[in-house]
Amino acid sequence: MRRIDSPANALLKEIRELGKKAKKRREEGYFVGEGERLLRDLPLSSLVQIFLGEDYRGELPHGLSKEDERIIL
C-alpha cells in the first residue's frame, strides 16, 4: 500500500482527468469506477490501481490485502 498526502500529486491529477474525459479513458484503455460493490464485483486481475480514503472500513475483495501495491491511500 502506498500513501498519497498531497492533493497536488501527479497520479491523483491523472485519475481526476481520466474520470472527466471519456476520450482519454478510451485512448488509454482505462475504466474509472467508484463504489464498494464495484470493487467486489470486478476480477482482481483487471484492477490496476485502487484508491481508498483513509477512513475506509469496508472489506476488501477476497485475495486483496492492504499490503497490496495496487492500493493507494
PDB file of N, CA and C in Angstrom:
ATOM      1  N   MET A   1       0.841  -1.166   0.000  1.00  0.00           N
ATOM      2  CA  MET A   1       0.000   0.000   0.000  1.00  0.00           C
ATOM      3  C   MET A   1       0.892   1.236   0.000  1.00  0.00           C
ATOM      4  N   ARG A   2       0.514   2.161  -0.825  1.00  0.00           N
ATOM      5  CA  ARG A   2       1.236   3.435  -0.868  1.00  0.00           C
ATOM      6  C   ARG A   2       0.325   4.522  -0.320  1.00  0.00           C
ATOM      7  N   ARG A   3       0.905   5.611   0.095  1.00  0.00           N
ATOM      8  CA  ARG A   3       0.135   6.709   0.659  1.00  0.00           C
ATOM      9  C   ARG A   3       0.416   7.982  -0.139  1.00  0.00           C
ATOM     10  N   ILE A   4      -0.653   8.703  -0.445  1.00  0.00           N
ATOM     11  CA  ILE A   4      -0.533   9.998  -1.110  1.00  0.00           C
ATOM     12  C   ILE A   4      -1.013  11.048  -0.121  1.00  0.00           C
ATOM     13  N   ASP A   5      -0.158  12.000   0.176  1.00  0.00           N
ATOM     14  CA  ASP A   5      -0.511  13.030   1.154  1.00  0.00           C
ATOM     15  C   ASP A   5      -0.855  14.372   0.527  1.00  0.00           C
ATOM     16  N   SER A   6      -0.474  14.577  -0.709  1.00  0.00           N
ATOM     17  CA  SER A   6      -0.683  15.872  -1.347  1.00  0.00           C
ATOM     18  C   SER A   6      -1.789  15.816  -2.399  1.00  0.00           C
ATOM     19  N   PRO A   7      -2.759  16.740  -2.335  1.00  0.00           N
ATOM     20  CA  PRO A   7      -3.787  16.780  -3.379  1.00  0.00           C
ATOM     21  C   PRO A   7      -3.213  17.189  -4.741  1.00  0.00           C
ATOM     22  N   ALA A   8      -1.977  17.693  -4.746  1.00  0.00           N
ATOM     23  CA  ALA A   8      -1.327  18.091  -5.990  1.00  0.00           C
ATOM     24  C   ALA A   8      -0.537  16.943  -6.611  1.00  0.00           C
ATOM     25  N   ASN A   9      -0.642  15.757  -6.062  1.00  0.00           N
ATOM     26  CA  ASN A   9       0.076  14.585  -6.557  1.00  0.00           C
ATOM     27  C   ASN A   9      -0.267  14.324  -8.027  1.00  0.00           C
ATOM     28  N   ALA A  10       0.735  14.029  -8.829  1.00  0.00           N
ATOM     29  CA  ALA A  10       0.546  13.816 -10.271  1.00  0.00           C
ATOM     30  C   ALA A  10      -0.390  12.644 -10.566  1.00  0.00           C
ATOM     31  N   LEU A  11      -0.308  11.579  -9.793  1.00  0.00           N
ATOM     32  CA  LEU A  11      -1.177  10.423 -10.007  1.00  0.00           C
ATOM     33  C   LEU A  11      -2.638  10.780  -9.741  1.00  0.00           C
ATOM     34  N   LEU A  12      -2.898  11.533  -8.682  1.00  0.00           N
ATOM     35  CA  LEU A  12      -4.271  11.971  -8.404  1.00  0.00           C
ATOM     36  C   LEU A  12      -4.800  12.873  -9.511  1.00  0.00           C
ATOM     37  N   LYS A  13      -3.953  13.747 -10.015  1.00  0.00           N
ATOM     38  CA  LYS A  13      -4.364  14.619 -11.124  1.00  0.00           C
ATOM     39  C   LYS A  13      -4.732  13.796 -12.352  1.00  0.00           C
ATOM     40  N   GLU A  14      -3.945  12.769 -12.633  1.00  0.00           N
ATOM     41  CA  GLU A  14      -4.208  11.896 -13.781  1.00  0.00           C
ATOM     42  C   GLU A  14      -5.542  11.164 -13.617  1.00  0.00           C
ATOM     43  N   ILE A  15      -5.815  10.654 -12.433  1.00  0.00           N
ATOM     44  CA  ILE A  15      -7.071   9.943 -12.176  1.00  0.00           C
ATOM     45  C   ILE A  15      -8.255  10.892 -12.308  1.00  0.00           C
ATOM     46  N   ARG A  16      -8.130  12.088 -11.775  1.00  0.00           N
ATOM     47  CA  ARG A  16      -9.218  13.072 -11.916  1.00  0.00           C
ATOM     48  C   ARG A  16      -9.486  13.363 -13.386  1.00  0.00           C
ATOM     49  N   GLU A  17      -8.426  13.518 -14.162  1.00  0.00           N
ATOM     50  CA  GLU A  17      -8.580  13.788 -15.589  1.00  0.00           C
ATOM     51  C   GLU A  17      -9.241  12.609 -16.303  1.00  0.00           C
ATOM     52  N   LEU A  18      -8.819  11.398 -15.985  1.00  0.00           N
ATOM     53  CA  LEU A  18      -9.440  10.209 -16.587  1.00  0.00           C
ATOM     54  C   LEU A  18     -10.921  10.127 -16.222  1.00  0.00           C
ATOM     55  N   GLY A  19     -11.264  10.514 -15.002  1.00  0.00           N
ATOM     56  CA  GLY A  19     -12.652  10.489 -14.568  1.00  0.00           C
ATOM     57  C   GLY A  19     -13.530  11.461 -15.328  1.00  0.00           C
ATOM     58  N   LYS A  20     -12.948  12.532 -15.819  1.00  0.00           N
ATOM     59  CA  LYS A  20     -13.710  13.575 -16.517  1.00  0.00           C
ATOM     60  C   LYS A  20     -13.717  13.413 -18.032  1.00  0.00           C
ATOM     61  N   LYS A  21     -12.733  12.715 -18.591  1.00  0.00           N
ATOM     62  CA  LYS A  21     -12.570  12.695 -20.048  1.00  0.00           C
ATOM     63  C   LYS A  21     -12.678  11.281 -20.612  1.00  0.00           C
ATOM     64  N   ALA A  22     -13.851  10.992 -21.174  1.00  0.00           N
ATOM     65  CA  ALA A  22     -14.105   9.660 -21.740  1.00  0.00           C
ATOM     66  C   ALA A  22     -13.133   9.343 -22.876  1.00  0.00           C
ATOM     67  N   LYS A  23     -12.812  10.333 -23.690  1.00  0.00           N
ATOM     68  CA  LYS A  23     -11.900  10.101 -24.816  1.00  0.00           C
ATOM     69  C   LYS A  23     -10.535   9.622 -24.312  1.00  0.00           C
ATOM     70  N   LYS A  24     -10.047  10.254 -23.271  1.00  0.00           N
ATOM     71  CA  LYS A  24      -8.750   9.859 -22.705  1.00  0.00           C
ATOM     72  C   LYS A  24      -8.814   8.433 -22.148  1.00  0.00           C
ATOM     73  N   ARG A  25      -9.926   8.081 -21.489  1.00  0.00           N
ATOM     74  CA  ARG A  25     -10.074   6.711 -20.967  1.00  0.00           C
ATOM     75  C   ARG A  25     -10.057   5.703 -22.105  1.00  0.00           C
ATOM     76  N   ARG A  26     -10.775   6.001 -23.176  1.00  0.00           N
ATOM     77  CA  ARG A  26     -10.807   5.087 -24.332  1.00  0.00           C
ATOM     78  C   ARG A  26      -9.421   4.943 -24.942  1.00  0.00           C
ATOM     79  N   GLU A  27      -8.750   6.057 -25.139  1.00  0.00           N
ATOM     80  CA  GLU A  27      -7.418   6.030 -25.754  1.00  0.00           C
ATOM     81  C   GLU A  27      -6.422   5.224 -24.916  1.00  0.00           C
ATOM     82  N   GLU A  28      -6.517   5.347 -23.609  1.00  0.00           N
ATOM     83  CA  GLU A  28      -5.557   4.673 -22.731  1.00  0.00           C
ATOM     84  C   GLU A  28      -6.047   3.306 -22.258  1.00  0.00           C
ATOM     85  N   GLY A  29      -7.303   2.979 -22.568  1.00  0.00           N
ATOM     86  CA  GLY A  29      -7.841   1.668 -22.215  1.00  0.00           C
ATOM     87  C   GLY A  29      -8.161   1.497 -20.744  1.00  0.00           C
ATOM     88  N   TYR A  30      -8.536   2.593 -20.073  1.00  0.00           N
ATOM     89  CA  TYR A  30      -8.835   2.535 -18.643  1.00  0.00           C
ATOM     90  C   TYR A  30     -10.315   2.726 -18.369  1.00  0.00           C
ATOM     91  N   PHE A  31     -10.729   2.241 -17.234  1.00  0.00           N
ATOM     92  CA  PHE A  31     -12.073   2.443 -16.705  1.00  0.00           C
ATOM     93  C   PHE A  31     -11.899   3.020 -15.310  1.00  0.00           C
ATOM     94  N   VAL A  32     -12.629   4.070 -15.005  1.00  0.00           N
ATOM     95  CA  VAL A  32     -12.583   4.657 -13.670  1.00  0.00           C
ATOM     96  C   VAL A  32     -13.947   4.438 -13.040  1.00  0.00           C
ATOM     97  N   GLY A  33     -13.975   3.740 -11.924  1.00  0.00           N
ATOM     98  CA  GLY A  33     -15.237   3.454 -11.251  1.00  0.00           C
ATOM     99  C   GLY A  33     -15.160   3.819  -9.788  1.00  0.00           C
ATOM    100  N   GLU A  34     -16.318   3.789  -9.162  1.00  0.00           N
ATOM    101  CA  GLU A  34     -16.384   4.160  -7.759  1.00  0.00           C
ATOM    102  C   GLU A  34     -17.402   3.279  -7.050  1.00  0.00           C
ATOM    103  N   GLY A  35     -17.069   2.867  -5.867  1.00  0.00           N
ATOM    104  CA  GLY A  35     -18.026   2.138  -5.052  1.00  0.00           C
ATOM    105  C   GLY A  35     -17.522   0.784  -4.589  1.00  0.00           C
ATOM    106  N   GLU A  36     -17.977   0.423  -3.399  1.00  0.00           N
ATOM    107  CA  GLU A  36     -17.547  -0.831  -2.779  1.00  0.00           C
ATOM    108  C   GLU A  36     -18.048  -2.045  -3.554  1.00  0.00           C
ATOM    109  N   ARG A  37     -19.263  -1.981  -4.058  1.00  0.00           N
ATOM    110  CA  ARG A  37     -19.805  -3.126  -4.801  1.00  0.00           C
ATOM    111  C   ARG A  37     -19.006  -3.374  -6.083  1.00  0.00           C
ATOM    112  N   LEU A  38     -18.682  -2.307  -6.778  1.00  0.00           N
ATOM    113  CA  LEU A  38     -17.886  -2.431  -7.996  1.00  0.00           C
ATOM    114  C   LEU A  38     -16.538  -3.075  -7.682  1.00  0.00           C
ATOM    115  N   LEU A  39     -15.936  -2.666  -6.594  1.00  0.00           N
ATOM    116  CA  LEU A  39     -14.651  -3.237  -6.181  1.00  0.00           C
ATOM    117  C   LEU A  39     -14.773  -4.737  -5.929  1.00  0.00           C
ATOM    118  N   ARG A  40     -15.868  -5.149  -5.315  1.00  0.00           N
ATOM    119  CA  ARG A  40     -16.078  -6.579  -5.043  1.00  0.00           C
ATOM    120  C   ARG A  40     -16.370  -7.368  -6.312  1.00  0.00           C
ATOM    121  N   ASP A  41     -17.089  -6.757  -7.264  1.00  0.00           N
ATOM    122  CA  ASP A  41     -17.558  -7.482  -8.448  1.00  0.00           C
ATOM    123  C   ASP A  41     -16.525  -7.613  -9.567  1.00  0.00           C
ATOM    124  N   LEU A  42     -15.559  -6.712  -9.629  1.00  0.00           N
ATOM    125  CA  LEU A  42     -14.557  -6.774 -10.700  1.00  0.00           C
ATOM    126  C   LEU A  42     -13.524  -7.861 -10.414  1.00  0.00           C
ATOM    127  N   PRO A  43     -13.055  -8.543 -11.452  1.00  0.00           N
ATOM    128  CA  PRO A  43     -11.977  -9.520 -11.234  1.00  0.00           C
ATOM    129  C   PRO A  43     -10.695  -8.803 -10.801  1.00  0.00           C
ATOM    130  N   LEU A  44     -10.016  -9.349  -9.817  1.00  0.00           N
ATOM    131  CA  LEU A  44      -8.792  -8.717  -9.313  1.00  0.00           C
ATOM    132  C   LEU A  44      -7.758  -8.509 -10.406  1.00  0.00           C
ATOM    133  N   SER A  45      -7.734  -9.390 -11.383  1.00  0.00           N
ATOM    134  CA  SER A  45      -6.740  -9.278 -12.453  1.00  0.00           C
ATOM    135  C   SER A  45      -6.956  -8.038 -13.313  1.00  0.00           C
ATOM    136  N   SER A  46      -8.153  -7.454 -13.271  1.00  0.00           N
ATOM    137  CA  SER A  46      -8.431  -6.280 -14.097  1.00  0.00           C
ATOM    138  C   SER A  46      -8.120  -4.973 -13.371  1.00  0.00           C
ATOM    139  N   LEU A  47      -7.796  -5.033 -12.090  1.00  0.00           N
ATOM    140  CA  LEU A  47      -7.544  -3.822 -11.311  1.00  0.00           C
ATOM    141  C   LEU A  47      -6.101  -3.364 -11.474  1.00  0.00           C
ATOM    142  N   VAL A  48      -5.946  -2.094 -11.833  1.00  0.00           N
ATOM    143  CA  VAL A  48      -4.612  -1.511 -11.979  1.00  0.00           C
ATOM    144  C   VAL A  48      -4.243  -0.761 -10.707  1.00  0.00           C
ATOM    145  N   GLN A  49      -5.116   0.125 -10.258  1.00  0.00           N
ATOM    146  CA  GLN A  49      -4.914   0.893  -9.035  1.00  0.00           C
ATOM    147  C   GLN A  49      -6.234   0.948  -8.278  1.00  0.00           C
ATOM    148  N   ILE A  50      -6.157   0.972  -6.965  1.00  0.00           N
ATOM    149  CA  ILE A  50      -7.329   1.088  -6.113  1.00  0.00           C
ATOM    150  C   ILE A  50      -7.050   2.219  -5.135  1.00  0.00           C
ATOM    151  N   PHE A  51      -7.876   3.238  -5.177  1.00  0.00           N
ATOM    152  CA  PHE A  51      -7.712   4.380  -4.289  1.00  0.00           C
ATOM    153  C   PHE A  51      -8.741   4.280  -3.175  1.00  0.00           C
ATOM    154  N   LEU A  52      -8.273   4.287  -1.935  1.00  0.00           N
ATOM    155  CA  LEU A  52      -9.151   4.226  -0.775  1.00  0.00           C
ATOM    156  C   LEU A  52      -8.915   5.446   0.095  1.00  0.00           C
ATOM    157  N   GLY A  53      -9.977   5.958   0.682  1.00  0.00           N
ATOM    158  CA  GLY A  53      -9.837   7.024   1.659  1.00  0.00           C
ATOM    159  C   GLY A  53      -9.262   6.465   2.948  1.00  0.00           C
ATOM    160  N   GLU A  54      -8.615   7.317   3.722  1.00  0.00           N
ATOM    161  CA  GLU A  54      -8.026   6.870   4.989  1.00  0.00           C
ATOM    162  C   GLU A  54      -9.056   6.250   5.914  1.00  0.00           C
ATOM    163  N   ASP A  55     -10.295   6.707   5.807  1.00  0.00           N
ATOM    164  CA  ASP A  55     -11.343   6.237   6.706  1.00  0.00           C
ATOM    165  C   ASP A  55     -12.091   5.014   6.178  1.00  0.00           C
ATOM    166  N   TYR A  56     -11.635   4.420   5.076  1.00  0.00           N
ATOM    167  CA  TYR A  56     -12.316   3.252   4.512  1.00  0.00           C
ATOM    168  C   TYR A  56     -12.268   2.096   5.503  1.00  0.00           C
ATOM    169  N   ARG A  57     -13.438   1.576   5.835  1.00  0.00           N
ATOM    170  CA  ARG A  57     -13.530   0.476   6.799  1.00  0.00           C
ATOM    171  C   ARG A  57     -14.209  -0.753   6.203  1.00  0.00           C
ATOM    172  N   GLY A  58     -14.553  -0.689   4.929  1.00  0.00           N
ATOM    173  CA  GLY A  58     -15.212  -1.815   4.281  1.00  0.00           C
ATOM    174  C   GLY A  58     -14.260  -2.980   4.081  1.00  0.00           C
ATOM    175  N   GLU A  59     -14.810  -4.072   3.621  1.00  0.00           N
ATOM    176  CA  GLU A  59     -14.000  -5.258   3.359  1.00  0.00           C
ATOM    177  C   GLU A  59     -13.389  -5.173   1.968  1.00  0.00           C
ATOM    178  N   LEU A  60     -12.177  -5.644   1.870  1.00  0.00           N
ATOM    179  CA  LEU A  60     -11.531  -5.744   0.567  1.00  0.00           C
ATOM    180  C   LEU A  60     -11.936  -7.070  -0.058  1.00  0.00           C
ATOM    181  N   PRO A  61     -11.952  -7.137  -1.386  1.00  0.00           N
ATOM    182  CA  PRO A  61     -12.298  -8.401  -2.038  1.00  0.00           C
ATOM    183  C   PRO A  61     -11.349  -9.519  -1.620  1.00  0.00           C
ATOM    184  N   HIS A  62     -11.844 -10.740  -1.671  1.00  0.00           N
ATOM    185  CA  HIS A  62     -11.034 -11.913  -1.340  1.00  0.00           C
ATOM    186  C   HIS A  62      -9.769 -11.914  -2.200  1.00  0.00           C
ATOM    187  N   GLY A  63      -8.644 -12.115  -1.586  1.00  0.00           N
ATOM    188  CA  GLY A  63      -7.383 -12.155  -2.319  1.00  0.00           C
ATOM    189  C   GLY A  63      -6.666 -10.821  -2.369  1.00  0.00           C
ATOM    190  N   LEU A  64      -7.230  -9.802  -1.736  1.00  0.00           N
ATOM    191  CA  LEU A  64      -6.628  -8.474  -1.751  1.00  0.00           C
ATOM    192  C   LEU A  64      -6.435  -8.020  -0.312  1.00  0.00           C
ATOM    193  N   SER A  65      -5.254  -7.504  -0.008  1.00  0.00           N
ATOM    194  CA  SER A  65      -4.999  -7.010   1.344  1.00  0.00           C
ATOM    195  C   SER A  65      -4.457  -5.591   1.249  1.00  0.00           C
ATOM    196  N   LYS A  66      -4.452  -4.902   2.367  1.00  0.00           N
ATOM    197  CA  LYS A  66      -3.970  -3.519   2.368  1.00  0.00           C
ATOM    198  C   LYS A  66      -2.477  -3.428   2.062  1.00  0.00           C
ATOM    199  N   GLU A  67      -1.783  -4.551   2.081  1.00  0.00           N
ATOM    200  CA  GLU A  67      -0.361  -4.560   1.739  1.00  0.00           C
ATOM    201  C   GLU A  67      -0.145  -4.597   0.227  1.00  0.00           C
ATOM    202  N   ASP A  68      -1.201  -4.816  -0.529  1.00  0.00           N
ATOM    203  CA  ASP A  68      -1.110  -4.895  -1.993  1.00  0.00           C
ATOM    204  C   ASP A  68      -0.617  -3.558  -2.546  1.00  0.00           C
ATOM    205  N   GLU A  69       0.343  -3.612  -3.453  1.00  0.00           N
ATOM    206  CA  GLU A  69       0.931  -2.406  -4.046  1.00  0.00           C
ATOM    207  C   GLU A  69      -0.063  -1.618  -4.901  1.00  0.00           C
ATOM    208  N   ARG A  70      -1.151  -2.249  -5.327  1.00  0.00           N
ATOM    209  CA  ARG A  70      -2.137  -1.541  -6.145  1.00  0.00           C
ATOM    210  C   ARG A  70      -3.024  -0.623  -5.321  1.00  0.00           C
ATOM    211  N   ILE A  71      -2.992  -0.765  -4.010  1.00  0.00           N
ATOM    212  CA  ILE A  71      -3.841   0.045  -3.142  1.00  0.00           C
ATOM    213  C   ILE A  71      -3.107   1.314  -2.756  1.00  0.00           C
ATOM    214  N   ILE A  72      -3.809   2.418  -2.909  1.00  0.00           N
ATOM    215  CA  ILE A  72      -3.244   3.726  -2.590  1.00  0.00           C
ATOM    216  C   ILE A  72      -4.210   4.448  -1.666  1.00  0.00           C
ATOM    217  N   LEU A  73      -3.692   4.960  -0.562  1.00  0.00           N
ATOM    218  CA  LEU A  73      -4.498   5.749   0.374  1.00  0.00           C
ATOM    219  C   LEU A  73      -4.300   7.208   0.105  1.00  0.00           C
TER     220      LEU A  73
END
